[in-house]
């Protein structure tokens, strides 16, 4: 029998929508205030961090008000142990090898066969983490803040909200699709498509692990290792 005690939550898609919109408004308000005293270069590093933290605060605040005491359920019905840690890191390594080194390389190869020149992707991230003045802020965002915020929102809130009315597999697919779309890069449609080829299945994989192991710790560690390895490839000039 499927264990749901300590894992199921009462959140709805409306909760996800309200939290998302509140996060956007809070991020824009913060941006307007900080922009008064930050240089454009520093804002390149701080901006994504501010936006992510604003979304996290909106999610935690809204869920805390609407459904007090339910956030702790994301940790799962049992206290996370060594097995959970190993599962998260193992799945993270598999995801990186298959998606970032597999799917991405196949996409690049097919593009070359068709005579298509792929533009650089995630250029802002690359510029920030290689700039010695703001690199620490950029790395903190990539390997920690973005991971926590995206897991809490896309898996913890959105997937759970979709799972209740739709069932697990439609929720896994839809939340993964929205996760991929969220990595849209304005002015770089081909580069975004390249990123989407990796991020869509990655989002599906993350949601599947959450549904399979009943704890957000597994996709959280999985995502963290994936981003750390991606960061290393960029810093080493491998990707």
C-alpha atoms as a PDB file:
ATOM      1  CA  UNK A   1       0.000   0.000   0.000  1.00  0.00           C
ATOM      2  CA  UNK A   2       1.261   3.482  -0.878  1.00  0.00           C
ATOM      3  CA  UNK A   3       2.345   5.476   2.149  1.00  0.00           C
ATOM      4  CA  UNK A   4       0.858   8.940   2.190  1.00  0.00           C
ATOM      5  CA  UNK A   5       0.775   9.823   5.880  1.00  0.00           C
ATOM      6  CA  UNK A   6       3.171  12.645   6.588  1.00  0.00           C
ATOM      7  CA  UNK A   7       3.630  13.375   2.898  1.00  0.00           C
ATOM      8  CA  UNK A   8       0.290  14.465   1.419  1.00  0.00           C
ATOM      9  CA  UNK A   9      -0.527  18.175   1.646  1.00  0.00           C
ATOM     10  CA  UNK A  10      -3.753  20.183   1.202  1.00  0.00           C
ATOM     11  CA  UNK A  11      -2.254  22.695  -1.235  1.00  0.00           C
ATOM     12  CA  UNK A  12      -3.977  23.489  -4.543  1.00  0.00           C
ATOM     13  CA  UNK A  13      -2.958  24.912  -7.903  1.00  0.00           C
ATOM     14  CA  UNK A  14      -4.503  28.192  -6.733  1.00  0.00           C
ATOM     15  CA  UNK A  15      -2.034  28.254  -3.821  1.00  0.00           C
ATOM     16  CA  UNK A  16       0.804  27.782  -6.318  1.00  0.00           C
ATOM     17  CA  UNK A  17      -0.536  30.571  -8.555  1.00  0.00           C
ATOM     18  CA  UNK A  18      -0.988  33.044  -5.697  1.00  0.00           C
ATOM     19  CA  UNK A  19       2.473  32.279  -4.292  1.00  0.00           C
ATOM     20  CA  UNK A  20       4.041  32.702  -7.730  1.00  0.00           C
ATOM     21  CA  UNK A  21       2.356  36.052  -8.389  1.00  0.00           C
ATOM     22  CA  UNK A  22       3.181  37.278  -4.886  1.00  0.00           C
ATOM     23  CA  UNK A  23       6.792  36.269  -5.459  1.00  0.00           C
ATOM     24  CA  UNK A  24       6.952  38.266  -8.703  1.00  0.00           C
ATOM     25  CA  UNK A  25       5.500  41.359  -7.021  1.00  0.00           C
ATOM     26  CA  UNK A  26       7.831  41.061  -4.042  1.00  0.00           C
ATOM     27  CA  UNK A  27      10.836  40.567  -6.321  1.00  0.00           C
ATOM     28  CA  UNK A  28       9.939  43.620  -8.415  1.00  0.00           C
ATOM     29  CA  UNK A  29       9.448  45.772  -5.318  1.00  0.00           C
ATOM     30  CA  UNK A  30      12.798  44.653  -3.939  1.00  0.00           C
ATOM     31  CA  UNK A  31      14.436  45.235  -7.303  1.00  0.00           C
ATOM     32  CA  UNK A  32      13.177  48.803  -7.440  1.00  0.00           C
ATOM     33  CA  UNK A  33      14.536  49.494  -3.959  1.00  0.00           C
ATOM     34  CA  UNK A  34      17.918  47.844  -4.482  1.00  0.00           C
ATOM     35  CA  UNK A  35      18.423  49.294  -7.960  1.00  0.00           C
ATOM     36  CA  UNK A  36      18.739  52.709  -6.356  1.00  0.00           C
ATOM     37  CA  UNK A  37      22.070  51.774  -4.804  1.00  0.00           C
ATOM     38  CA  UNK A  38      23.483  48.926  -6.894  1.00  0.00           C
ATOM     39  CA  UNK A  39      25.640  49.151  -9.988  1.00  0.00           C
ATOM     40  CA  UNK A  40      24.447  47.244 -13.100  1.00  0.00           C
ATOM     41  CA  UNK A  41      27.305  44.745 -12.724  1.00  0.00           C
ATOM     42  CA  UNK A  42      26.446  43.972  -9.119  1.00  0.00           C
ATOM     43  CA  UNK A  43      22.765  43.725  -9.975  1.00  0.00           C
ATOM     44  CA  UNK A  44      23.578  40.985 -12.508  1.00  0.00           C
ATOM     45  CA  UNK A  45      24.667  38.839  -9.596  1.00  0.00           C
ATOM     46  CA  UNK A  46      22.185  39.998  -6.978  1.00  0.00           C
ATOM     47  CA  UNK A  47      19.087  40.179  -9.210  1.00  0.00           C
ATOM     48  CA  UNK A  48      18.487  36.415  -9.645  1.00  0.00           C
ATOM     49  CA  UNK A  49      19.233  35.895  -5.952  1.00  0.00           C
ATOM     50  CA  UNK A  50      16.657  38.501  -4.969  1.00  0.00           C
ATOM     51  CA  UNK A  51      14.037  37.067  -7.318  1.00  0.00           C
ATOM     52  CA  UNK A  52      14.521  33.534  -6.001  1.00  0.00           C
ATOM     53  CA  UNK A  53      14.417  34.567  -2.348  1.00  0.00           C
ATOM     54  CA  UNK A  54      11.293  36.628  -2.987  1.00  0.00           C
ATOM     55  CA  UNK A  55       9.565  33.577  -4.478  1.00  0.00           C
ATOM     56  CA  UNK A  56      10.661  31.433  -1.539  1.00  0.00           C
ATOM     57  CA  UNK A  57       9.331  33.960   0.968  1.00  0.00           C
ATOM     58  CA  UNK A  58       6.047  34.180  -0.936  1.00  0.00           C
ATOM     59  CA  UNK A  59       5.644  30.392  -0.974  1.00  0.00           C
ATOM     60  CA  UNK A  60       6.514  29.951   2.691  1.00  0.00           C
ATOM     61  CA  UNK A  61       4.409  32.932   3.716  1.00  0.00           C
ATOM     62  CA  UNK A  62       1.306  31.978   1.743  1.00  0.00           C
ATOM     63  CA  UNK A  63       1.401  28.289   2.629  1.00  0.00           C
ATOM     64  CA  UNK A  64       2.163  29.140   6.247  1.00  0.00           C
ATOM     65  CA  UNK A  65      -0.898  31.378   6.428  1.00  0.00           C
ATOM     66  CA  UNK A  66      -3.270  29.146   4.467  1.00  0.00           C
ATOM     67  CA  UNK A  67      -2.140  25.756   5.736  1.00  0.00           C
ATOM     68  CA  UNK A  68      -0.233  26.139   9.023  1.00  0.00           C
ATOM     69  CA  UNK A  69       1.990  23.259  10.023  1.00  0.00           C
ATOM     70  CA  UNK A  70       2.055  21.526   6.627  1.00  0.00           C
ATOM     71  CA  UNK A  71       5.469  22.607   5.328  1.00  0.00           C
ATOM     72  CA  UNK A  72       7.286  20.076   7.502  1.00  0.00           C
ATOM     73  CA  UNK A  73       5.541  17.270   5.585  1.00  0.00           C
ATOM     74  CA  UNK A  74       7.859  17.891   2.643  1.00  0.00           C
ATOM     75  CA  UNK A  75      10.638  16.140   4.551  1.00  0.00           C
ATOM     76  CA  UNK A  76       8.620  12.913   4.311  1.00  0.00           C
ATOM     77  CA  UNK A  77       6.997  10.454   6.705  1.00  0.00           C
ATOM     78  CA  UNK A  78      10.356   9.295   8.106  1.00  0.00           C
ATOM     79  CA  UNK A  79      13.438  11.233   9.258  1.00  0.00           C
ATOM     80  CA  UNK A  80      15.907  11.459   6.334  1.00  0.00           C
ATOM     81  CA  UNK A  81      18.919   9.188   6.827  1.00  0.00           C
ATOM     82  CA  UNK A  82      22.037   8.063   5.001  1.00  0.00           C
ATOM     83  CA  UNK A  83      19.975   6.117   2.449  1.00  0.00           C
ATOM     84  CA  UNK A  84      18.101   9.261   1.439  1.00  0.00           C
ATOM     85  CA  UNK A  85      21.368  11.177   1.045  1.00  0.00           C
ATOM     86  CA  UNK A  86      22.888   8.442  -1.130  1.00  0.00           C
ATOM     87  CA  UNK A  87      19.731   8.245  -3.234  1.00  0.00           C
ATOM     88  CA  UNK A  88      19.745  11.984  -3.839  1.00  0.00           C
ATOM     89  CA  UNK A  89      23.427  12.114  -4.780  1.00  0.00           C
ATOM     90  CA  UNK A  90      23.168   8.963  -6.909  1.00  0.00           C
ATOM     91  CA  UNK A  91      20.223  10.258  -8.893  1.00  0.00           C
ATOM     92  CA  UNK A  92      21.976  13.611  -9.256  1.00  0.00           C
ATOM     93  CA  UNK A  93      25.007  11.958 -10.824  1.00  0.00           C
ATOM     94  CA  UNK A  94      22.821   9.913 -13.182  1.00  0.00           C
ATOM     95  CA  UNK A  95      20.849  13.030 -14.181  1.00  0.00           C
ATOM     96  CA  UNK A  96      24.014  14.957 -14.963  1.00  0.00           C
ATOM     97  CA  UNK A  97      25.582  12.174 -17.015  1.00  0.00           C
ATOM     98  CA  UNK A  98      22.426  11.348 -18.971  1.00  0.00           C
ATOM     99  CA  UNK A  99      20.981  14.822 -19.435  1.00  0.00           C
ATOM    100  CA  UNK A 100      23.773  17.373 -19.294  1.00  0.00           C
ATOM    101  CA  UNK A 101      26.312  15.166 -21.041  1.00  0.00           C
ATOM    102  CA  UNK A 102      23.928  12.921 -22.984  1.00  0.00           C
ATOM    103  CA  UNK A 103      20.832  14.751 -24.200  1.00  0.00           C
ATOM    104  CA  UNK A 104      22.721  18.023 -24.594  1.00  0.00           C
ATOM    105  CA  UNK A 105      25.440  16.415 -26.720  1.00  0.00           C
ATOM    106  CA  UNK A 106      22.908  14.638 -28.928  1.00  0.00           C
ATOM    107  CA  UNK A 107      21.067  17.927 -29.459  1.00  0.00           C
ATOM    108  CA  UNK A 108      24.356  19.656 -30.337  1.00  0.00           C
ATOM    109  CA  UNK A 109      25.269  16.878 -32.780  1.00  0.00           C
ATOM    110  CA  UNK A 110      21.888  17.033 -34.517  1.00  0.00           C
ATOM    111  CA  UNK A 111      22.134  20.815 -34.776  1.00  0.00           C
ATOM    112  CA  UNK A 112      25.522  20.524 -36.460  1.00  0.00           C
ATOM    113  CA  UNK A 113      24.180  17.940 -38.905  1.00  0.00           C
ATOM    114  CA  UNK A 114      21.495  20.438 -39.867  1.00  0.00           C
ATOM    115  CA  UNK A 115      24.049  23.218 -40.189  1.00  0.00           C
ATOM    116  CA  UNK A 116      22.661  25.142 -37.203  1.00  0.00           C
ATOM    117  CA  UNK A 117      25.068  27.164 -35.080  1.00  0.00           C
ATOM    118  CA  UNK A 118      23.974  26.944 -31.458  1.00  0.00           C
ATOM    119  CA  UNK A 119      24.346  30.186 -29.499  1.00  0.00           C
ATOM    120  CA  UNK A 120      25.854  30.249 -25.988  1.00  0.00           C
ATOM    121  CA  UNK A 121      23.389  29.395 -23.218  1.00  0.00           C
ATOM    122  CA  UNK A 122      23.081  30.665 -19.646  1.00  0.00           C
ATOM    123  CA  UNK A 123      25.408  33.515 -20.561  1.00  0.00           C
ATOM    124  CA  UNK A 124      24.447  35.618 -17.535  1.00  0.00           C
ATOM    125  CA  UNK A 125      25.339  32.784 -15.178  1.00  0.00           C
ATOM    126  CA  UNK A 126      28.624  32.199 -16.976  1.00  0.00           C
ATOM    127  CA  UNK A 127      29.547  35.873 -16.804  1.00  0.00           C
ATOM    128  CA  UNK A 128      28.693  36.166 -13.121  1.00  0.00           C
ATOM    129  CA  UNK A 129      30.520  33.055 -11.876  1.00  0.00           C
ATOM    130  CA  UNK A 130      33.649  33.937 -13.840  1.00  0.00           C
ATOM    131  CA  UNK A 131      33.747  37.556 -12.618  1.00  0.00           C
ATOM    132  CA  UNK A 132      36.048  37.576  -9.548  1.00  0.00           C
ATOM    133  CA  UNK A 133      34.198  40.531  -7.999  1.00  0.00           C
ATOM    134  CA  UNK A 134      30.788  38.829  -7.889  1.00  0.00           C
ATOM    135  CA  UNK A 135      31.605  35.149  -8.432  1.00  0.00           C
ATOM    136  CA  UNK A 136      30.850  34.108  -4.851  1.00  0.00           C
ATOM    137  CA  UNK A 137      27.340  35.566  -5.022  1.00  0.00           C
ATOM    138  CA  UNK A 138      26.736  33.850  -8.358  1.00  0.00           C
ATOM    139  CA  UNK A 139      27.967  30.469  -7.118  1.00  0.00           C
ATOM    140  CA  UNK A 140      25.881  30.745  -3.955  1.00  0.00           C
ATOM    141  CA  UNK A 141      22.840  31.344  -6.123  1.00  0.00           C
ATOM    142  CA  UNK A 142      23.523  28.445  -8.509  1.00  0.00           C
ATOM    143  CA  UNK A 143      24.394  25.717  -6.009  1.00  0.00           C
ATOM    144  CA  UNK A 144      22.184  26.648  -3.067  1.00  0.00           C
ATOM    145  CA  UNK A 145      19.538  29.352  -3.399  1.00  0.00           C
ATOM    146  CA  UNK A 146      18.207  28.372  -6.834  1.00  0.00           C
ATOM    147  CA  UNK A 147      18.156  24.701  -5.823  1.00  0.00           C
ATOM    148  CA  UNK A 148      16.184  25.254  -2.611  1.00  0.00           C
ATOM    149  CA  UNK A 149      13.740  27.711  -4.171  1.00  0.00           C
ATOM    150  CA  UNK A 150      13.054  25.623  -7.281  1.00  0.00           C
ATOM    151  CA  UNK A 151      12.552  22.431  -5.276  1.00  0.00           C
ATOM    152  CA  UNK A 152      10.231  24.070  -2.757  1.00  0.00           C
ATOM    153  CA  UNK A 153       8.159  25.686  -5.504  1.00  0.00           C
ATOM    154  CA  UNK A 154       8.166  23.208  -8.398  1.00  0.00           C
ATOM    155  CA  UNK A 155       8.178  19.955  -6.471  1.00  0.00           C
ATOM    156  CA  UNK A 156       7.048  20.871  -2.971  1.00  0.00           C
ATOM    157  CA  UNK A 157       4.220  23.212  -3.951  1.00  0.00           C
ATOM    158  CA  UNK A 158       3.372  22.883  -7.651  1.00  0.00           C
ATOM    159  CA  UNK A 159       3.782  19.137  -8.114  1.00  0.00           C
ATOM    160  CA  UNK A 160       1.902  18.398  -4.899  1.00  0.00           C
ATOM    161  CA  UNK A 161      -0.907  20.749  -5.917  1.00  0.00           C
ATOM    162  CA  UNK A 162      -1.209  19.084  -9.350  1.00  0.00           C
ATOM    163  CA  UNK A 163      -0.879  15.554  -8.015  1.00  0.00           C
ATOM    164  CA  UNK A 164      -4.061  15.689  -5.967  1.00  0.00           C
ATOM    165  CA  UNK A 165      -6.508  16.378  -8.844  1.00  0.00           C
ATOM    166  CA  UNK A 166      -4.521  14.880 -11.751  1.00  0.00           C
ATOM    167  CA  UNK A 167      -2.709  11.886 -10.319  1.00  0.00           C
ATOM    168  CA  UNK A 168       1.058  11.320 -10.108  1.00  0.00           C
ATOM    169  CA  UNK A 169       2.124  10.862 -13.747  1.00  0.00           C
ATOM    170  CA  UNK A 170       0.241  13.825 -15.276  1.00  0.00           C
ATOM    171  CA  UNK A 171       1.526  15.955 -12.384  1.00  0.00           C
ATOM    172  CA  UNK A 172       5.086  14.721 -12.945  1.00  0.00           C
ATOM    173  CA  UNK A 173       4.889  15.581 -16.656  1.00  0.00           C
ATOM    174  CA  UNK A 174       3.189  18.951 -16.260  1.00  0.00           C
ATOM    175  CA  UNK A 175       5.387  20.164 -13.418  1.00  0.00           C
ATOM    176  CA  UNK A 176       8.453  19.063 -15.423  1.00  0.00           C
ATOM    177  CA  UNK A 177       7.190  20.953 -18.464  1.00  0.00           C
ATOM    178  CA  UNK A 178       6.642  24.118 -16.435  1.00  0.00           C
ATOM    179  CA  UNK A 179      10.094  23.713 -14.883  1.00  0.00           C
ATOM    180  CA  UNK A 180      11.612  23.578 -18.362  1.00  0.00           C
ATOM    181  CA  UNK A 181       9.628  26.581 -19.563  1.00  0.00           C
ATOM    182  CA  UNK A 182      10.726  28.548 -16.500  1.00  0.00           C
ATOM    183  CA  UNK A 183      14.294  28.495 -17.816  1.00  0.00           C
ATOM    184  CA  UNK A 184      13.286  30.631 -20.786  1.00  0.00           C
ATOM    185  CA  UNK A 185      16.027  32.934 -22.083  1.00  0.00           C
ATOM    186  CA  UNK A 186      14.718  36.158 -23.579  1.00  0.00           C
ATOM    187  CA  UNK A 187      16.206  37.002 -26.961  1.00  0.00           C
ATOM    188  CA  UNK A 188      17.817  33.587 -27.350  1.00  0.00           C
ATOM    189  CA  UNK A 189      15.100  31.141 -28.531  1.00  0.00           C
ATOM    190  CA  UNK A 190      17.504  28.546 -29.914  1.00  0.00           C
ATOM    191  CA  UNK A 191      19.615  28.682 -26.778  1.00  0.00           C
ATOM    192  CA  UNK A 192      16.483  28.279 -24.683  1.00  0.00           C
ATOM    193  CA  UNK A 193      15.439  25.254 -26.741  1.00  0.00           C
ATOM    194  CA  UNK A 194      18.847  23.742 -26.046  1.00  0.00           C
ATOM    195  CA  UNK A 195      18.360  24.389 -22.324  1.00  0.00           C
ATOM    196  CA  UNK A 196      14.784  23.067 -22.443  1.00  0.00           C
ATOM    197  CA  UNK A 197      16.019  19.745 -23.871  1.00  0.00           C
ATOM    198  CA  UNK A 198      17.871  19.253 -20.587  1.00  0.00           C
ATOM    199  CA  UNK A 199      15.595  21.038 -18.093  1.00  0.00           C
ATOM    200  CA  UNK A 200      12.272  19.453 -19.110  1.00  0.00           C
ATOM    201  CA  UNK A 201      13.378  15.829 -18.558  1.00  0.00           C
ATOM    202  CA  UNK A 202      15.339  16.951 -15.509  1.00  0.00           C
ATOM    203  CA  UNK A 203      12.172  18.438 -14.023  1.00  0.00           C
ATOM    204  CA  UNK A 204      10.313  15.204 -14.771  1.00  0.00           C
ATOM    205  CA  UNK A 205      13.087  13.187 -13.131  1.00  0.00           C
ATOM    206  CA  UNK A 206      13.087  15.416 -10.043  1.00  0.00           C
ATOM    207  CA  UNK A 207       9.311  15.126  -9.643  1.00  0.00           C
ATOM    208  CA  UNK A 208       9.500  11.354 -10.122  1.00  0.00           C
ATOM    209  CA  UNK A 209      12.063  10.998  -7.324  1.00  0.00           C
ATOM    210  CA  UNK A 210       9.903  13.109  -5.023  1.00  0.00           C
ATOM    211  CA  UNK A 211       6.878  10.977  -5.797  1.00  0.00           C
ATOM    212  CA  UNK A 212       8.895   7.754  -5.481  1.00  0.00           C
ATOM    213  CA  UNK A 213      10.701   8.421  -2.211  1.00  0.00           C
ATOM    214  CA  UNK A 214       8.157  10.683  -0.491  1.00  0.00           C
ATOM    215  CA  UNK A 215      10.708  13.246   0.665  1.00  0.00           C
ATOM    216  CA  UNK A 216      11.883  16.504  -0.880  1.00  0.00           C
ATOM    217  CA  UNK A 217      15.383  15.795   0.418  1.00  0.00           C
ATOM    218  CA  UNK A 218      16.076  13.369  -2.462  1.00  0.00           C
ATOM    219  CA  UNK A 219      15.327  15.792  -5.365  1.00  0.00           C
ATOM    220  CA  UNK A 220      16.935  18.612  -3.377  1.00  0.00           C
ATOM    221  CA  UNK A 221      20.268  16.768  -3.094  1.00  0.00           C
ATOM    222  CA  UNK A 222      19.893  15.495  -6.652  1.00  0.00           C
ATOM    223  CA  UNK A 223      19.430  19.043  -7.950  1.00  0.00           C
ATOM    224  CA  UNK A 224      22.273  20.364  -5.810  1.00  0.00           C
ATOM    225  CA  UNK A 225      24.799  17.845  -7.166  1.00  0.00           C
ATOM    226  CA  UNK A 226      23.575  18.418 -10.730  1.00  0.00           C
ATOM    227  CA  UNK A 227      24.178  22.168 -10.388  1.00  0.00           C
ATOM    228  CA  UNK A 228      27.554  21.704  -8.709  1.00  0.00           C
ATOM    229  CA  UNK A 229      28.743  19.457 -11.540  1.00  0.00           C
ATOM    230  CA  UNK A 230      27.371  21.875 -14.150  1.00  0.00           C
ATOM    231  CA  UNK A 231      29.172  24.726 -12.386  1.00  0.00           C
ATOM    232  CA  UNK A 232      32.447  22.785 -12.420  1.00  0.00           C
ATOM    233  CA  UNK A 233      32.154  22.107 -16.165  1.00  0.00           C
ATOM    234  CA  UNK A 234      31.656  25.825 -16.813  1.00  0.00           C
ATOM    235  CA  UNK A 235      34.555  26.891 -14.597  1.00  0.00           C
ATOM    236  CA  UNK A 236      36.832  24.305 -16.176  1.00  0.00           C
ATOM    237  CA  UNK A 237      35.781  25.351 -19.653  1.00  0.00           C
ATOM    238  CA  UNK A 238      34.267  21.955 -20.477  1.00  0.00           C
ATOM    239  CA  UNK A 239      30.759  23.171 -21.278  1.00  0.00           C
END
